[in-house]
Amino acid sequence: METQSDARAERRAAKLAKQISAFAEQHGGAEGQLAYLGQMGTRIVLVGEDGGWGDLVAPSHAIAQAAAEKAGLTLHESFDGDFAAKVRTGPYEWTRMAGIQLGGPANP
């Protein structure tokens, strides 16, 4: 028997899978990695074939895993090596990540 919380988790996984698929379509395909955020849930890090990247947050690791499976997302164990090398950053990311240290504008 499916409980209300099971149905809610299934709907959340389906919504995340739809967002993953939309990202993959926009970026010529995608790969991902699941990163635990503790009580906050699990981050689904997405890297497109074109170097674009983004993330989604699922309320649990099980929901994140289900969403990735539904979307057919190839998952990596860690965010390093060839997978991390696919990420392309632009001026916005450099400003946000290291702008102050590199003499860029301060983040608001």
PDB file of N, CA and C in Angstrom:
ATOM      1  N   MET A   1       0.842  -1.186   0.000  1.00  0.00           N
ATOM      2  CA  MET A   1       0.000   0.000   0.000  1.00  0.00           C
ATOM      3  C   MET A   1       0.886   1.248   0.000  1.00  0.00           C
ATOM      4  N   GLU A   2       0.594   2.156  -0.897  1.00  0.00           N
ATOM      5  CA  GLU A   2       1.372   3.387  -1.018  1.00  0.00           C
ATOM      6  C   GLU A   2       0.849   4.422  -0.036  1.00  0.00           C
ATOM      7  N   THR A   3       1.749   4.977   0.747  1.00  0.00           N
ATOM      8  CA  THR A   3       1.349   5.996   1.706  1.00  0.00           C
ATOM      9  C   THR A   3       1.379   7.366   1.041  1.00  0.00           C
ATOM     10  N   GLN A   4       0.835   8.335   1.766  1.00  0.00           N
ATOM     11  CA  GLN A   4       0.818   9.708   1.244  1.00  0.00           C
ATOM     12  C   GLN A   4       2.238  10.229   1.058  1.00  0.00           C
ATOM     13  N   SER A   5       3.139   9.895   1.994  1.00  0.00           N
ATOM     14  CA  SER A   5       4.519  10.375   1.863  1.00  0.00           C
ATOM     15  C   SER A   5       5.231   9.697   0.694  1.00  0.00           C
ATOM     16  N   ASP A   6       4.899   8.423   0.413  1.00  0.00           N
ATOM     17  CA  ASP A   6       5.473   7.752  -0.754  1.00  0.00           C
ATOM     18  C   ASP A   6       5.017   8.435  -2.043  1.00  0.00           C
ATOM     19  N   ALA A   7       3.747   8.785  -2.101  1.00  0.00           N
ATOM     20  CA  ALA A   7       3.209   9.459  -3.289  1.00  0.00           C
ATOM     21  C   ALA A   7       3.850  10.831  -3.453  1.00  0.00           C
ATOM     22  N   ARG A   8       4.060  11.532  -2.351  1.00  0.00           N
ATOM     23  CA  ARG A   8       4.697  12.855  -2.402  1.00  0.00           C
ATOM     24  C   ARG A   8       6.132  12.726  -2.907  1.00  0.00           C
ATOM     25  N   ALA A   9       6.853  11.724  -2.409  1.00  0.00           N
ATOM     26  CA  ALA A   9       8.239  11.503  -2.841  1.00  0.00           C
ATOM     27  C   ALA A   9       8.284  11.165  -4.329  1.00  0.00           C
ATOM     28  N   GLU A  10       7.340  10.365  -4.783  1.00  0.00           N
ATOM     29  CA  GLU A  10       7.283   9.993  -6.203  1.00  0.00           C
ATOM     30  C   GLU A  10       7.015  11.215  -7.074  1.00  0.00           C
ATOM     31  N   ARG A  11       6.112  12.081  -6.646  1.00  0.00           N
ATOM     32  CA  ARG A  11       5.822  13.310  -7.400  1.00  0.00           C
ATOM     33  C   ARG A  11       7.041  14.230  -7.427  1.00  0.00           C
ATOM     34  N   ARG A  12       7.743  14.344  -6.307  1.00  0.00           N
ATOM     35  CA  ARG A  12       8.932  15.196  -6.242  1.00  0.00           C
ATOM     36  C   ARG A  12      10.026  14.658  -7.156  1.00  0.00           C
ATOM     37  N   ALA A  13      10.220  13.330  -7.151  1.00  0.00           N
ATOM     38  CA  ALA A  13      11.228  12.718  -8.021  1.00  0.00           C
ATOM     39  C   ALA A  13      10.864  12.941  -9.486  1.00  0.00           C
ATOM     40  N   ALA A  14       9.582  12.816  -9.820  1.00  0.00           N
ATOM     41  CA  ALA A  14       9.138  13.025 -11.203  1.00  0.00           C
ATOM     42  C   ALA A  14       9.368  14.470 -11.640  1.00  0.00           C
ATOM     43  N   LYS A  15       9.106  15.428 -10.740  1.00  0.00           N
ATOM     44  CA  LYS A  15       9.313  16.844 -11.066  1.00  0.00           C
ATOM     45  C   LYS A  15      10.805  17.116 -11.281  1.00  0.00           C
ATOM     46  N   LEU A  16      11.653  16.591 -10.406  1.00  0.00           N
ATOM     47  CA  LEU A  16      13.096  16.770 -10.561  1.00  0.00           C
ATOM     48  C   LEU A  16      13.588  16.111 -11.846  1.00  0.00           C
ATOM     49  N   ALA A  17      13.076  14.924 -12.167  1.00  0.00           N
ATOM     50  CA  ALA A  17      13.477  14.228 -13.390  1.00  0.00           C
ATOM     51  C   ALA A  17      13.132  15.063 -14.616  1.00  0.00           C
ATOM     52  N   LYS A  18      11.979  15.707 -14.590  1.00  0.00           N
ATOM     53  CA  LYS A  18      11.576  16.577 -15.695  1.00  0.00           C
ATOM     54  C   LYS A  18      12.541  17.754 -15.827  1.00  0.00           C
ATOM     55  N   GLN A  19      12.963  18.333 -14.699  1.00  0.00           N
ATOM     56  CA  GLN A  19      13.907  19.447 -14.730  1.00  0.00           C
ATOM     57  C   GLN A  19      15.281  18.984 -15.221  1.00  0.00           C
ATOM     58  N   ILE A  20      15.707  17.802 -14.805  1.00  0.00           N
ATOM     59  CA  ILE A  20      16.982  17.244 -15.263  1.00  0.00           C
ATOM     60  C   ILE A  20      16.935  17.034 -16.772  1.00  0.00           C
ATOM     61  N   SER A  21      15.843  16.456 -17.252  1.00  0.00           N
ATOM     62  CA  SER A  21      15.698  16.199 -18.688  1.00  0.00           C
ATOM     63  C   SER A  21      15.694  17.491 -19.493  1.00  0.00           C
ATOM     64  N   ALA A  22      15.040  18.528 -18.967  1.00  0.00           N
ATOM     65  CA  ALA A  22      15.015  19.819 -19.652  1.00  0.00           C
ATOM     66  C   ALA A  22      16.422  20.417 -19.716  1.00  0.00           C
ATOM     67  N   PHE A  23      17.181  20.301 -18.633  1.00  0.00           N
ATOM     68  CA  PHE A  23      18.559  20.785 -18.622  1.00  0.00           C
ATOM     69  C   PHE A  23      19.378  20.031 -19.659  1.00  0.00           C
ATOM     70  N   ALA A  24      19.251  18.707 -19.669  1.00  0.00           N
ATOM     71  CA  ALA A  24      20.012  17.880 -20.613  1.00  0.00           C
ATOM     72  C   ALA A  24      19.667  18.241 -22.053  1.00  0.00           C
ATOM     73  N   GLU A  25      18.397  18.474 -22.328  1.00  0.00           N
ATOM     74  CA  GLU A  25      17.978  18.844 -23.685  1.00  0.00           C
ATOM     75  C   GLU A  25      18.572  20.188 -24.094  1.00  0.00           C
ATOM     76  N   GLN A  26      18.597  21.119 -23.176  1.00  0.00           N
ATOM     77  CA  GLN A  26      19.113  22.461 -23.452  1.00  0.00           C
ATOM     78  C   GLN A  26      20.631  22.467 -23.648  1.00  0.00           C
ATOM     79  N   HIS A  27      21.330  21.509 -23.040  1.00  0.00           N
ATOM     80  CA  HIS A  27      22.792  21.510 -23.049  1.00  0.00           C
ATOM     81  C   HIS A  27      23.410  20.342 -23.821  1.00  0.00           C
ATOM     82  N   GLY A  28      22.634  19.715 -24.692  1.00  0.00           N
ATOM     83  CA  GLY A  28      23.173  18.654 -25.536  1.00  0.00           C
ATOM     84  C   GLY A  28      23.490  17.372 -24.790  1.00  0.00           C
ATOM     85  N   GLY A  29      22.813  17.139 -23.687  1.00  0.00           N
ATOM     86  CA  GLY A  29      23.064  15.980 -22.832  1.00  0.00           C
ATOM     87  C   GLY A  29      23.620  16.442 -21.503  1.00  0.00           C
ATOM     88  N   ALA A  30      23.628  15.548 -20.532  1.00  0.00           N
ATOM     89  CA  ALA A  30      24.126  15.934 -19.212  1.00  0.00           C
ATOM     90  C   ALA A  30      24.583  14.711 -18.433  1.00  0.00           C
ATOM     91  N   GLU A  31      25.456  14.966 -17.487  1.00  0.00           N
ATOM     92  CA  GLU A  31      25.906  13.983 -16.516  1.00  0.00           C
ATOM     93  C   GLU A  31      25.744  14.639 -15.157  1.00  0.00           C
ATOM     94  N   GLY A  32      25.819  13.849 -14.096  1.00  0.00           N
ATOM     95  CA  GLY A  32      25.608  14.437 -12.787  1.00  0.00           C
ATOM     96  C   GLY A  32      26.354  13.745 -11.672  1.00  0.00           C
ATOM     97  N   GLN A  33      26.207  14.335 -10.500  1.00  0.00           N
ATOM     98  CA  GLN A  33      26.788  13.807  -9.279  1.00  0.00           C
ATOM     99  C   GLN A  33      25.868  14.185  -8.133  1.00  0.00           C
ATOM    100  N   LEU A  34      25.664  13.269  -7.195  1.00  0.00           N
ATOM    101  CA  LEU A  34      24.829  13.538  -6.037  1.00  0.00           C
ATOM    102  C   LEU A  34      25.718  13.893  -4.859  1.00  0.00           C
ATOM    103  N   ALA A  35      25.422  15.001  -4.206  1.00  0.00           N
ATOM    104  CA  ALA A  35      26.214  15.467  -3.062  1.00  0.00           C
ATOM    105  C   ALA A  35      25.304  15.655  -1.856  1.00  0.00           C
ATOM    106  N   TYR A  36      25.600  14.946  -0.777  1.00  0.00           N
ATOM    107  CA  TYR A  36      24.812  15.069   0.443  1.00  0.00           C
ATOM    108  C   TYR A  36      24.923  16.474   1.024  1.00  0.00           C
ATOM    109  N   LEU A  37      23.799  17.000   1.464  1.00  0.00           N
ATOM    110  CA  LEU A  37      23.770  18.305   2.117  1.00  0.00           C
ATOM    111  C   LEU A  37      23.357  18.173   3.580  1.00  0.00           C
ATOM    112  N   GLY A  38      23.399  16.973   4.108  1.00  0.00           N
ATOM    113  CA  GLY A  38      22.950  16.747   5.482  1.00  0.00           C
ATOM    114  C   GLY A  38      21.435  16.757   5.554  1.00  0.00           C
ATOM    115  N   GLN A  39      20.894  17.390   6.589  1.00  0.00           N
ATOM    116  CA  GLN A  39      19.448  17.412   6.779  1.00  0.00           C
ATOM    117  C   GLN A  39      18.712  18.158   5.670  1.00  0.00           C
ATOM    118  N   MET A  40      19.421  19.021   4.948  1.00  0.00           N
ATOM    119  CA  MET A  40      18.798  19.784   3.866  1.00  0.00           C
ATOM    120  C   MET A  40      18.426  18.907   2.680  1.00  0.00           C
ATOM    121  N   GLY A  41      19.075  17.759   2.527  1.00  0.00           N
ATOM    122  CA  GLY A  41      18.782  16.879   1.404  1.00  0.00           C
ATOM    123  C   GLY A  41      20.022  16.533   0.614  1.00  0.00           C
ATOM    124  N   THR A  42      19.850  16.414  -0.686  1.00  0.00           N
ATOM    125  CA  THR A  42      20.944  16.041  -1.581  1.00  0.00           C
ATOM    126  C   THR A  42      20.933  16.953  -2.795  1.00  0.00           C
ATOM    127  N   ARG A  43      22.102  17.469  -3.125  1.00  0.00           N
ATOM    128  CA  ARG A  43      22.249  18.322  -4.304  1.00  0.00           C
ATOM    129  C   ARG A  43      22.511  17.433  -5.515  1.00  0.00           C
ATOM    130  N   ILE A  44      21.805  17.710  -6.600  1.00  0.00           N
ATOM    131  CA  ILE A  44      22.034  17.038  -7.874  1.00  0.00           C
ATOM    132  C   ILE A  44      22.804  18.034  -8.732  1.00  0.00           C
ATOM    133  N   VAL A  45      24.108  17.792  -8.887  1.00  0.00           N
ATOM    134  CA  VAL A  45      24.961  18.669  -9.683  1.00  0.00           C
ATOM    135  C   VAL A  45      24.874  18.192 -11.131  1.00  0.00           C
ATOM    136  N   LEU A  46      24.571  19.097 -12.041  1.00  0.00           N
ATOM    137  CA  LEU A  46      24.408  18.766 -13.454  1.00  0.00           C
ATOM    138  C   LEU A  46      25.476  19.463 -14.289  1.00  0.00           C
ATOM    139  N   VAL A  47      26.073  18.725 -15.207  1.00  0.00           N
ATOM    140  CA  VAL A  47      27.048  19.299 -16.134  1.00  0.00           C
ATOM    141  C   VAL A  47      26.623  18.887 -17.538  1.00  0.00           C
ATOM    142  N   GLY A  48      26.353  19.890 -18.383  1.00  0.00           N
ATOM    143  CA  GLY A  48      25.933  19.635 -19.748  1.00  0.00           C
ATOM    144  C   GLY A  48      27.117  19.323 -20.647  1.00  0.00           C
ATOM    145  N   GLU A  49      26.819  18.716 -21.775  1.00  0.00           N
ATOM    146  CA  GLU A  49      27.866  18.396 -22.753  1.00  0.00           C
ATOM    147  C   GLU A  49      28.524  19.655 -23.302  1.00  0.00           C
ATOM    148  N   ASP A  50      27.816  20.788 -23.230  1.00  0.00           N
ATOM    149  CA  ASP A  50      28.380  22.052 -23.710  1.00  0.00           C
ATOM    150  C   ASP A  50      29.161  22.804 -22.628  1.00  0.00           C
ATOM    151  N   GLY A  51      29.302  22.200 -21.442  1.00  0.00           N
ATOM    152  CA  GLY A  51      30.026  22.831 -20.354  1.00  0.00           C
ATOM    153  C   GLY A  51      29.154  23.624 -19.404  1.00  0.00           C
ATOM    154  N   GLY A  52      27.892  23.821 -19.777  1.00  0.00           N
ATOM    155  CA  GLY A  52      26.968  24.507 -18.881  1.00  0.00           C
ATOM    156  C   GLY A  52      26.724  23.664 -17.645  1.00  0.00           C
ATOM    157  N   TRP A  53      26.438  24.304 -16.553  1.00  0.00           N
ATOM    158  CA  TRP A  53      26.234  23.551 -15.328  1.00  0.00           C
ATOM    159  C   TRP A  53      25.135  24.184 -14.485  1.00  0.00           C
ATOM    160  N   GLY A  54      24.636  23.402 -13.560  1.00  0.00           N
ATOM    161  CA  GLY A  54      23.594  23.864 -12.659  1.00  0.00           C
ATOM    162  C   GLY A  54      23.381  22.825 -11.586  1.00  0.00           C
ATOM    163  N   ASP A  55      22.444  23.089 -10.710  1.00  0.00           N
ATOM    164  CA  ASP A  55      22.146  22.108  -9.689  1.00  0.00           C
ATOM    165  C   ASP A  55      20.697  22.208  -9.254  1.00  0.00           C
ATOM    166  N   LEU A  56      20.243  21.140  -8.658  1.00  0.00           N
ATOM    167  CA  LEU A  56      18.912  21.045  -8.080  1.00  0.00           C
ATOM    168  C   LEU A  56      19.084  20.455  -6.696  1.00  0.00           C
ATOM    169  N   VAL A  57      18.142  20.695  -5.800  1.00  0.00           N
ATOM    170  CA  VAL A  57      18.221  20.102  -4.468  1.00  0.00           C
ATOM    171  C   VAL A  57      16.991  19.244  -4.244  1.00  0.00           C
ATOM    172  N   ALA A  58      17.243  17.995  -3.863  1.00  0.00           N
ATOM    173  CA  ALA A  58      16.180  17.065  -3.522  1.00  0.00           C
ATOM    174  C   ALA A  58      16.100  16.954  -2.001  1.00  0.00           C
ATOM    175  N   PRO A  59      14.917  16.726  -1.452  1.00  0.00           N
ATOM    176  CA  PRO A  59      14.786  16.649  -0.001  1.00  0.00           C
ATOM    177  C   PRO A  59      15.453  15.422   0.630  1.00  0.00           C
ATOM    178  N   SER A  60      15.806  14.430  -0.188  1.00  0.00           N
ATOM    179  CA  SER A  60      16.485  13.238   0.341  1.00  0.00           C
ATOM    180  C   SER A  60      17.344  12.613  -0.750  1.00  0.00           C
ATOM    181  N   HIS A  61      18.282  11.778  -0.319  1.00  0.00           N
ATOM    182  CA  HIS A  61      19.135  11.088  -1.281  1.00  0.00           C
ATOM    183  C   HIS A  61      18.308  10.120  -2.134  1.00  0.00           C
ATOM    184  N   ALA A  62      17.345   9.451  -1.522  1.00  0.00           N
ATOM    185  CA  ALA A  62      16.507   8.500  -2.256  1.00  0.00           C
ATOM    186  C   ALA A  62      15.730   9.191  -3.377  1.00  0.00           C
ATOM    187  N   ILE A  63      15.206  10.369  -3.110  1.00  0.00           N
ATOM    188  CA  ILE A  63      14.475  11.115  -4.134  1.00  0.00           C
ATOM    189  C   ILE A  63      15.426  11.577  -5.226  1.00  0.00           C
ATOM    190  N   ALA A  64      16.606  12.047  -4.852  1.00  0.00           N
ATOM    191  CA  ALA A  64      17.599  12.471  -5.845  1.00  0.00           C
ATOM    192  C   ALA A  64      17.992  11.303  -6.747  1.00  0.00           C
ATOM    193  N   GLN A  65      18.224  10.152  -6.150  1.00  0.00           N
ATOM    194  CA  GLN A  65      18.595   8.950  -6.907  1.00  0.00           C
ATOM    195  C   GLN A  65      17.476   8.540  -7.855  1.00  0.00           C
ATOM    196  N   ALA A  66      16.243   8.557  -7.355  1.00  0.00           N
ATOM    197  CA  ALA A  66      15.092   8.192  -8.189  1.00  0.00           C
ATOM    198  C   ALA A  66      14.938   9.161  -9.350  1.00  0.00           C
ATOM    199  N   ALA A  67      15.115  10.455  -9.096  1.00  0.00           N
ATOM    200  CA  ALA A  67      14.992  11.459 -10.154  1.00  0.00           C
ATOM    201  C   ALA A  67      16.055  11.246 -11.225  1.00  0.00           C
ATOM    202  N   ALA A  68      17.292  10.990 -10.798  1.00  0.00           N
ATOM    203  CA  ALA A  68      18.380  10.759 -11.754  1.00  0.00           C
ATOM    204  C   ALA A  68      18.089   9.532 -12.608  1.00  0.00           C
ATOM    205  N   GLU A  69      17.595   8.472 -11.984  1.00  0.00           N
ATOM    206  CA  GLU A  69      17.264   7.254 -12.729  1.00  0.00           C
ATOM    207  C   GLU A  69      16.142   7.508 -13.728  1.00  0.00           C
ATOM    208  N   LYS A  70      15.087   8.203 -13.298  1.00  0.00           N
ATOM    209  CA  LYS A  70      13.959   8.501 -14.191  1.00  0.00           C
ATOM    210  C   LYS A  70      14.403   9.319 -15.401  1.00  0.00           C
ATOM    211  N   ALA A  71      15.357  10.228 -15.183  1.00  0.00           N
ATOM    212  CA  ALA A  71      15.828  11.092 -16.262  1.00  0.00           C
ATOM    213  C   ALA A  71      16.913  10.424 -17.108  1.00  0.00           C
ATOM    214  N   GLY A  72      17.395   9.259 -16.692  1.00  0.00           N
ATOM    215  CA  GLY A  72      18.458   8.580 -17.428  1.00  0.00           C
ATOM    216  C   GLY A  72      19.800   9.280 -17.287  1.00  0.00           C
ATOM    217  N   LEU A  73      19.999   9.963 -16.164  1.00  0.00           N
ATOM    218  CA  LEU A  73      21.218  10.735 -15.923  1.00  0.00           C
ATOM    219  C   LEU A  73      22.373   9.813 -15.537  1.00  0.00           C
ATOM    220  N   THR A  74      23.491   9.939 -16.225  1.00  0.00           N
ATOM    221  CA  THR A  74      24.705   9.217 -15.851  1.00  0.00           C
ATOM    222  C   THR A  74      25.287   9.896 -14.623  1.00  0.00           C
ATOM    223  N   LEU A  75      25.488   9.134 -13.550  1.00  0.00           N
ATOM    224  CA  LEU A  75      26.005   9.697 -12.306  1.00  0.00           C
ATOM    225  C   LEU A  75      27.464   9.333 -12.090  1.00  0.00           C
ATOM    226  N   HIS A  76      28.208  10.280 -11.538  1.00  0.00           N
ATOM    227  CA  HIS A  76      29.607  10.078 -11.170  1.00  0.00           C
ATOM    228  C   HIS A  76      29.697   9.999  -9.649  1.00  0.00           C
ATOM    229  N   GLU A  77      30.647   9.243  -9.156  1.00  0.00           N
ATOM    230  CA  GLU A  77      30.843   9.100  -7.714  1.00  0.00           C
ATOM    231  C   GLU A  77      31.353  10.392  -7.083  1.00  0.00           C
ATOM    232  N   SER A  78      32.195  11.127  -7.813  1.00  0.00           N
ATOM    233  CA  SER A  78      32.760  12.353  -7.269  1.00  0.00           C
ATOM    234  C   SER A  78      32.836  13.409  -8.371  1.00  0.00           C
ATOM    235  N   PHE A  79      33.050  14.631  -7.933  1.00  0.00           N
ATOM    236  CA  PHE A  79      33.118  15.752  -8.868  1.00  0.00           C
ATOM    237  C   PHE A  79      34.583  16.100  -9.096  1.00  0.00           C
ATOM    238  N   ASP A  80      35.262  15.288  -9.894  1.00  0.00           N
ATOM    239  CA  ASP A  80      36.672  15.521 -10.166  1.00  0.00           C
ATOM    240  C   ASP A  80      37.040  14.944 -11.522  1.00  0.00           C
ATOM    241  N   GLY A  81      38.286  15.078 -11.886  1.00  0.00           N
ATOM    242  CA  GLY A  81      38.794  14.492 -13.120  1.00  0.00           C
ATOM    243  C   GLY A  81      38.125  15.014 -14.368  1.00  0.00           C
ATOM    244  N   ASP A  82      37.892  14.099 -15.307  1.00  0.00           N
ATOM    245  CA  ASP A  82      37.303  14.465 -16.597  1.00  0.00           C
ATOM    246  C   ASP A  82      35.927  15.097 -16.440  1.00  0.00           C
ATOM    247  N   PHE A  83      35.168  14.630 -15.445  1.00  0.00           N
ATOM    248  CA  PHE A  83      33.832  15.166 -15.229  1.00  0.00           C
ATOM    249  C   PHE A  83      33.900  16.646 -14.849  1.00  0.00           C
ATOM    250  N   ALA A  84      34.723  16.990 -13.884  1.00  0.00           N
ATOM    251  CA  ALA A  84      34.857  18.387 -13.458  1.00  0.00           C
ATOM    252  C   ALA A  84      35.446  19.249 -14.567  1.00  0.00           C
ATOM    253  N   ALA A  85      36.313  18.666 -15.390  1.00  0.00           N
ATOM    254  CA  ALA A  85      36.956  19.423 -16.466  1.00  0.00           C
ATOM    255  C   ALA A  85      35.965  19.861 -17.540  1.00  0.00           C
ATOM    256  N   LYS A  86      34.779  19.256 -17.589  1.00  0.00           N
ATOM    257  CA  LYS A  86      33.764  19.637 -18.575  1.00  0.00           C
ATOM    258  C   LYS A  86      33.107  20.982 -18.258  1.00  0.00           C
ATOM    259  N   VAL A  87      33.167  21.409 -17.008  1.00  0.00           N
ATOM    260  CA  VAL A  87      32.492  22.635 -16.578  1.00  0.00           C
ATOM    261  C   VAL A  87      33.177  23.855 -17.189  1.00  0.00           C
ATOM    262  N   ARG A  88      32.385  24.721 -17.771  1.00  0.00           N
ATOM    263  CA  ARG A  88      32.879  25.972 -18.338  1.00  0.00           C
ATOM    264  C   ARG A  88      32.315  27.110 -17.499  1.00  0.00           C
ATOM    265  N   THR A  89      33.184  27.964 -17.008  1.00  0.00           N
ATOM    266  CA  THR A  89      32.747  29.105 -16.211  1.00  0.00           C
ATOM    267  C   THR A  89      32.955  30.390 -16.993  1.00  0.00           C
ATOM    268  N   GLY A  90      32.204  31.383 -16.612  1.00  0.00           N
ATOM    269  CA  GLY A  90      32.296  32.673 -17.270  1.00  0.00           C
ATOM    270  C   GLY A  90      32.585  33.773 -16.259  1.00  0.00           C
ATOM    271  N   PRO A  91      32.473  35.023 -16.686  1.00  0.00           N
ATOM    272  CA  PRO A  91      32.773  36.154 -15.805  1.00  0.00           C
ATOM    273  C   PRO A  91      31.935  36.166 -14.521  1.00  0.00           C
ATOM    274  N   TYR A  92      30.678  35.797 -14.624  1.00  0.00           N
ATOM    275  CA  TYR A  92      29.817  35.800 -13.437  1.00  0.00           C
ATOM    276  C   TYR A  92      30.366  34.862 -12.371  1.00  0.00           C
ATOM    277  N   GLU A  93      30.707  33.649 -12.771  1.00  0.00           N
ATOM    278  CA  GLU A  93      31.208  32.671 -11.808  1.00  0.00           C
ATOM    279  C   GLU A  93      32.524  33.125 -11.187  1.00  0.00           C
ATOM    280  N   TRP A  94      33.413  33.691 -12.011  1.00  0.00           N
ATOM    281  CA  TRP A  94      34.693  34.158 -11.474  1.00  0.00           C
ATOM    282  C   TRP A  94      34.481  35.289 -10.477  1.00  0.00           C
ATOM    283  N   THR A  95      33.538  36.159 -10.761  1.00  0.00           N
ATOM    284  CA  THR A  95      33.244  37.240  -9.825  1.00  0.00           C
ATOM    285  C   THR A  95      32.699  36.670  -8.522  1.00  0.00           C
ATOM    286  N   ARG A  96      31.784  35.734  -8.621  1.00  0.00           N
ATOM    287  CA  ARG A  96      31.178  35.155  -7.426  1.00  0.00           C
ATOM    288  C   ARG A  96      32.166  34.297  -6.632  1.00  0.00           C
ATOM    289  N   MET A  97      33.007  33.526  -7.313  1.00  0.00           N
ATOM    290  CA  MET A  97      33.894  32.592  -6.624  1.00  0.00           C
ATOM    291  C   MET A  97      35.179  33.251  -6.148  1.00  0.00           C
ATOM    292  N   ALA A  98      35.748  34.128  -6.931  1.00  0.00           N
ATOM    293  CA  ALA A  98      37.076  34.645  -6.583  1.00  0.00           C
ATOM    294  C   ALA A  98      37.264  36.102  -6.951  1.00  0.00           C
ATOM    295  N   GLY A  99      36.208  36.803  -7.236  1.00  0.00           N
ATOM    296  CA  GLY A  99      36.327  38.177  -7.689  1.00  0.00           C
ATOM    297  C   GLY A  99      37.064  39.084  -6.729  1.00  0.00           C
ATOM    298  N   ILE A 100      36.800  38.946  -5.454  1.00  0.00           N
ATOM    299  CA  ILE A 100      37.444  39.809  -4.472  1.00  0.00           C
ATOM    300  C   ILE A 100      38.957  39.532  -4.448  1.00  0.00           C
ATOM    301  N   GLN A 101      39.326  38.263  -4.448  1.00  0.00           N
ATOM    302  CA  GLN A 101      40.741  37.905  -4.398  1.00  0.00           C
ATOM    303  C   GLN A 101      41.477  38.319  -5.664  1.00  0.00           C
ATOM    304  N   LEU A 102      40.781  38.332  -6.803  1.00  0.00           N
ATOM    305  CA  LEU A 102      41.421  38.661  -8.077  1.00  0.00           C
ATOM    306  C   LEU A 102      41.249  40.138  -8.445  1.00  0.00           C
ATOM    307  N   GLY A 103      40.720  40.919  -7.522  1.00  0.00           N
ATOM    308  CA  GLY A 103      40.556  42.343  -7.795  1.00  0.00           C
ATOM    309  C   GLY A 103      39.277  42.689  -8.507  1.00  0.00           C
ATOM    310  N   GLY A 104      38.364  41.730  -8.620  1.00  0.00           N
ATOM    311  CA  GLY A 104      37.085  41.992  -9.260  1.00  0.00           C
ATOM    312  C   GLY A 104      36.146  42.723  -8.315  1.00  0.00           C
ATOM    313  N   PRO A 105      34.957  43.024  -8.787  1.00  0.00           N
ATOM    314  CA  PRO A 105      34.002  43.732  -7.950  1.00  0.00           C
ATOM    315  C   PRO A 105      33.591  42.885  -6.747  1.00  0.00           C
ATOM    316  N   ALA A 106      33.325  43.555  -5.652  1.00  0.00           N
ATOM    317  CA  ALA A 106      32.870  42.852  -4.453  1.00  0.00           C
ATOM    318  C   ALA A 106      31.471  42.300  -4.691  1.00  0.00           C
ATOM    319  N   ASN A 107      31.188  41.164  -4.111  1.00  0.00           N
ATOM    320  CA  ASN A 107      29.853  40.589  -4.216  1.00  0.00           C
ATOM    321  C   ASN A 107      28.913  41.346  -3.295  1.00  0.00           C
ATOM    322  N   PRO A 108      27.711  41.654  -3.782  1.00  0.00           N
ATOM    323  CA  PRO A 108      26.765  42.414  -2.963  1.00  0.00           C
ATOM    324  C   PRO A 108      26.294  41.618  -1.765  1.00  0.00           C
TER     325      PRO A 108
END
